[in-house]
N, C-alpha and C. Protein backbone atom coordinates (compact mmCIF):
# COMPACT_ATOMS: atom_id res chain seq x y z
N MET A 1 0.83 -1.18 0.00
CA MET A 1 0.00 0.00 0.00
C MET A 1 0.88 1.25 0.00
N ASP A 2 0.43 2.23 -0.75
CA ASP A 2 1.11 3.52 -0.80
C ASP A 2 0.23 4.56 -0.14
N ARG A 3 0.85 5.68 0.22
CA ARG A 3 0.11 6.80 0.82
C ARG A 3 0.45 8.07 0.09
N VAL A 4 -0.54 8.94 -0.01
CA VAL A 4 -0.32 10.26 -0.60
C VAL A 4 -1.06 11.27 0.29
N GLU A 5 -0.46 12.43 0.43
CA GLU A 5 -1.08 13.52 1.17
C GLU A 5 -1.00 14.77 0.31
N PHE A 6 -2.10 15.51 0.23
CA PHE A 6 -2.10 16.73 -0.57
C PHE A 6 -3.11 17.72 -0.01
N SER A 7 -2.92 18.98 -0.37
CA SER A 7 -3.82 20.06 0.06
C SER A 7 -5.05 20.08 -0.83
N VAL A 8 -6.19 20.37 -0.22
CA VAL A 8 -7.44 20.52 -0.95
C VAL A 8 -7.99 21.91 -0.65
N LYS A 9 -8.08 22.74 -1.65
CA LYS A 9 -8.58 24.10 -1.49
C LYS A 9 -10.04 24.17 -1.92
N GLY A 10 -10.79 25.02 -1.24
CA GLY A 10 -12.18 25.23 -1.60
C GLY A 10 -13.17 24.58 -0.66
N MET A 11 -12.69 23.82 0.32
CA MET A 11 -13.61 23.22 1.29
C MET A 11 -13.97 24.28 2.33
N THR A 12 -15.27 24.43 2.60
CA THR A 12 -15.72 25.44 3.55
C THR A 12 -16.55 24.88 4.70
N CYS A 13 -16.95 23.61 4.60
CA CYS A 13 -17.82 23.04 5.63
C CYS A 13 -17.71 21.51 5.63
N ASP A 14 -18.43 20.92 6.56
CA ASP A 14 -18.40 19.45 6.66
C ASP A 14 -18.97 18.77 5.43
N ASN A 15 -19.92 19.41 4.76
CA ASN A 15 -20.45 18.82 3.53
C ASN A 15 -19.37 18.74 2.45
N CYS A 16 -18.50 19.73 2.42
CA CYS A 16 -17.38 19.70 1.48
C CYS A 16 -16.45 18.52 1.80
N VAL A 17 -16.17 18.34 3.07
CA VAL A 17 -15.33 17.22 3.50
C VAL A 17 -15.96 15.91 3.06
N ASN A 18 -17.28 15.79 3.24
CA ASN A 18 -17.98 14.57 2.83
C ASN A 18 -17.92 14.37 1.32
N SER A 19 -18.03 15.46 0.57
CA SER A 19 -17.97 15.36 -0.90
C SER A 19 -16.59 14.87 -1.35
N VAL A 20 -15.55 15.42 -0.77
CA VAL A 20 -14.19 15.00 -1.12
C VAL A 20 -13.97 13.55 -0.72
N THR A 21 -14.42 13.19 0.48
CA THR A 21 -14.27 11.81 0.95
C THR A 21 -14.97 10.84 0.02
N GLN A 22 -16.18 11.15 -0.38
CA GLN A 22 -16.93 10.27 -1.28
C GLN A 22 -16.25 10.16 -2.64
N ALA A 23 -15.73 11.27 -3.15
CA ALA A 23 -15.02 11.25 -4.43
C ALA A 23 -13.81 10.34 -4.35
N LEU A 24 -13.10 10.40 -3.23
CA LEU A 24 -11.92 9.56 -3.06
C LEU A 24 -12.28 8.09 -2.95
N LYS A 25 -13.33 7.81 -2.22
CA LYS A 25 -13.75 6.41 -2.02
C LYS A 25 -14.23 5.76 -3.31
N GLN A 26 -14.63 6.55 -4.30
CA GLN A 26 -15.11 5.99 -5.55
C GLN A 26 -13.97 5.58 -6.49
N VAL A 27 -12.74 5.95 -6.15
CA VAL A 27 -11.60 5.60 -6.98
C VAL A 27 -11.20 4.16 -6.66
N ASP A 28 -11.17 3.30 -7.69
CA ASP A 28 -10.75 1.92 -7.49
C ASP A 28 -9.33 1.91 -6.93
N GLY A 29 -9.11 1.10 -5.91
CA GLY A 29 -7.78 0.96 -5.32
C GLY A 29 -7.59 1.79 -4.07
N VAL A 30 -8.48 2.74 -3.80
CA VAL A 30 -8.38 3.54 -2.57
C VAL A 30 -8.87 2.68 -1.41
N LYS A 31 -8.02 2.57 -0.40
CA LYS A 31 -8.33 1.72 0.75
C LYS A 31 -8.78 2.51 1.97
N ALA A 32 -8.22 3.71 2.18
CA ALA A 32 -8.58 4.52 3.35
C ALA A 32 -8.38 5.99 3.01
N THR A 33 -9.23 6.83 3.61
CA THR A 33 -9.12 8.27 3.39
C THR A 33 -9.26 9.00 4.71
N GLN A 34 -8.61 10.14 4.79
CA GLN A 34 -8.79 11.06 5.92
C GLN A 34 -8.74 12.46 5.34
N VAL A 35 -9.86 13.16 5.43
CA VAL A 35 -9.96 14.52 4.90
C VAL A 35 -10.25 15.45 6.07
N THR A 36 -9.45 16.50 6.22
CA THR A 36 -9.64 17.42 7.33
C THR A 36 -9.88 18.84 6.82
N LEU A 37 -10.92 19.46 7.34
CA LEU A 37 -11.28 20.82 6.95
C LEU A 37 -10.28 21.82 7.52
N ALA A 38 -9.92 21.68 8.79
CA ALA A 38 -9.04 22.64 9.45
C ALA A 38 -7.66 22.70 8.77
N GLU A 39 -7.15 21.56 8.37
CA GLU A 39 -5.83 21.51 7.72
C GLU A 39 -5.92 21.66 6.21
N GLU A 40 -7.13 21.53 5.66
CA GLU A 40 -7.34 21.51 4.21
C GLU A 40 -6.46 20.45 3.55
N LYS A 41 -6.48 19.25 4.11
CA LYS A 41 -5.63 18.17 3.62
C LYS A 41 -6.45 16.91 3.39
N ALA A 42 -5.94 16.10 2.47
CA ALA A 42 -6.46 14.75 2.25
C ALA A 42 -5.29 13.78 2.36
N ARG A 43 -5.50 12.72 3.11
CA ARG A 43 -4.52 11.65 3.23
C ARG A 43 -5.19 10.39 2.72
N VAL A 44 -4.52 9.71 1.80
CA VAL A 44 -5.15 8.56 1.14
C VAL A 44 -4.17 7.39 1.12
N THR A 45 -4.67 6.23 1.51
CA THR A 45 -3.93 4.98 1.38
C THR A 45 -4.54 4.25 0.19
N PHE A 46 -3.67 3.80 -0.72
CA PHE A 46 -4.18 3.20 -1.95
C PHE A 46 -3.25 2.11 -2.46
N ASP A 47 -3.80 1.28 -3.33
CA ASP A 47 -3.05 0.20 -3.97
C ASP A 47 -2.50 0.74 -5.29
N SER A 48 -1.18 0.89 -5.36
CA SER A 48 -0.56 1.47 -6.55
C SER A 48 -0.62 0.54 -7.76
N ASN A 49 -1.02 -0.69 -7.58
CA ASN A 49 -1.23 -1.59 -8.71
C ASN A 49 -2.57 -1.32 -9.39
N VAL A 50 -3.44 -0.56 -8.73
CA VAL A 50 -4.78 -0.31 -9.24
C VAL A 50 -4.97 1.14 -9.68
N THR A 51 -4.38 2.08 -8.94
CA THR A 51 -4.56 3.50 -9.25
C THR A 51 -3.28 4.27 -8.96
N THR A 52 -3.28 5.55 -9.35
CA THR A 52 -2.11 6.39 -9.12
C THR A 52 -2.52 7.62 -8.30
N ALA A 53 -1.53 8.29 -7.75
CA ALA A 53 -1.79 9.52 -7.00
C ALA A 53 -2.44 10.56 -7.91
N ASP A 54 -2.02 10.63 -9.16
CA ASP A 54 -2.61 11.59 -10.09
C ASP A 54 -4.09 11.30 -10.34
N GLN A 55 -4.47 10.04 -10.43
CA GLN A 55 -5.88 9.69 -10.63
C GLN A 55 -6.70 10.06 -9.39
N ILE A 56 -6.11 9.89 -8.23
CA ILE A 56 -6.79 10.24 -6.98
C ILE A 56 -7.02 11.75 -6.92
N LYS A 57 -6.00 12.51 -7.26
CA LYS A 57 -6.13 13.97 -7.26
C LYS A 57 -7.14 14.44 -8.30
N GLU A 58 -7.18 13.78 -9.43
CA GLU A 58 -8.14 14.14 -10.48
C GLU A 58 -9.57 13.92 -10.00
N ALA A 59 -9.81 12.90 -9.19
CA ALA A 59 -11.15 12.66 -8.66
C ALA A 59 -11.59 13.83 -7.78
N VAL A 60 -10.67 14.40 -7.03
CA VAL A 60 -10.98 15.56 -6.18
C VAL A 60 -11.28 16.77 -7.07
N ARG A 61 -10.49 16.95 -8.11
CA ARG A 61 -10.73 18.06 -9.06
C ARG A 61 -12.12 17.91 -9.70
N GLN A 62 -12.47 16.69 -10.09
CA GLN A 62 -13.77 16.45 -10.72
C GLN A 62 -14.92 16.74 -9.76
N ALA A 63 -14.66 16.62 -8.46
CA ALA A 63 -15.68 16.91 -7.45
C ALA A 63 -15.81 18.42 -7.23
N GLY A 64 -14.92 19.21 -7.86
CA GLY A 64 -15.06 20.66 -7.79
C GLY A 64 -14.11 21.37 -6.85
N TYR A 65 -13.05 20.69 -6.45
CA TYR A 65 -12.10 21.28 -5.51
C TYR A 65 -10.72 21.39 -6.15
N GLU A 66 -9.93 22.29 -5.62
CA GLU A 66 -8.59 22.54 -6.13
C GLU A 66 -7.59 21.71 -5.34
N VAL A 67 -6.68 21.08 -6.04
CA VAL A 67 -5.64 20.26 -5.40
C VAL A 67 -4.32 20.97 -5.54
N ALA A 68 -3.61 21.09 -4.44
CA ALA A 68 -2.30 21.75 -4.47
C ALA A 68 -1.20 20.77 -4.10
């Protein structure tokens, strides 16, 4: 398992956190997620044989948030 951590800009409330979390969970190969509003961060554990960090970040972008 691999881990990636990145900043997520544009989250303003718990609903935003839920939206990002759901977007991450829909990516095949994602095993665990932790999204925090206060830190504006997402931490993801994933199977690198199934997905990539770039695909994970793209899922967040598709949900309407900026990834830094």
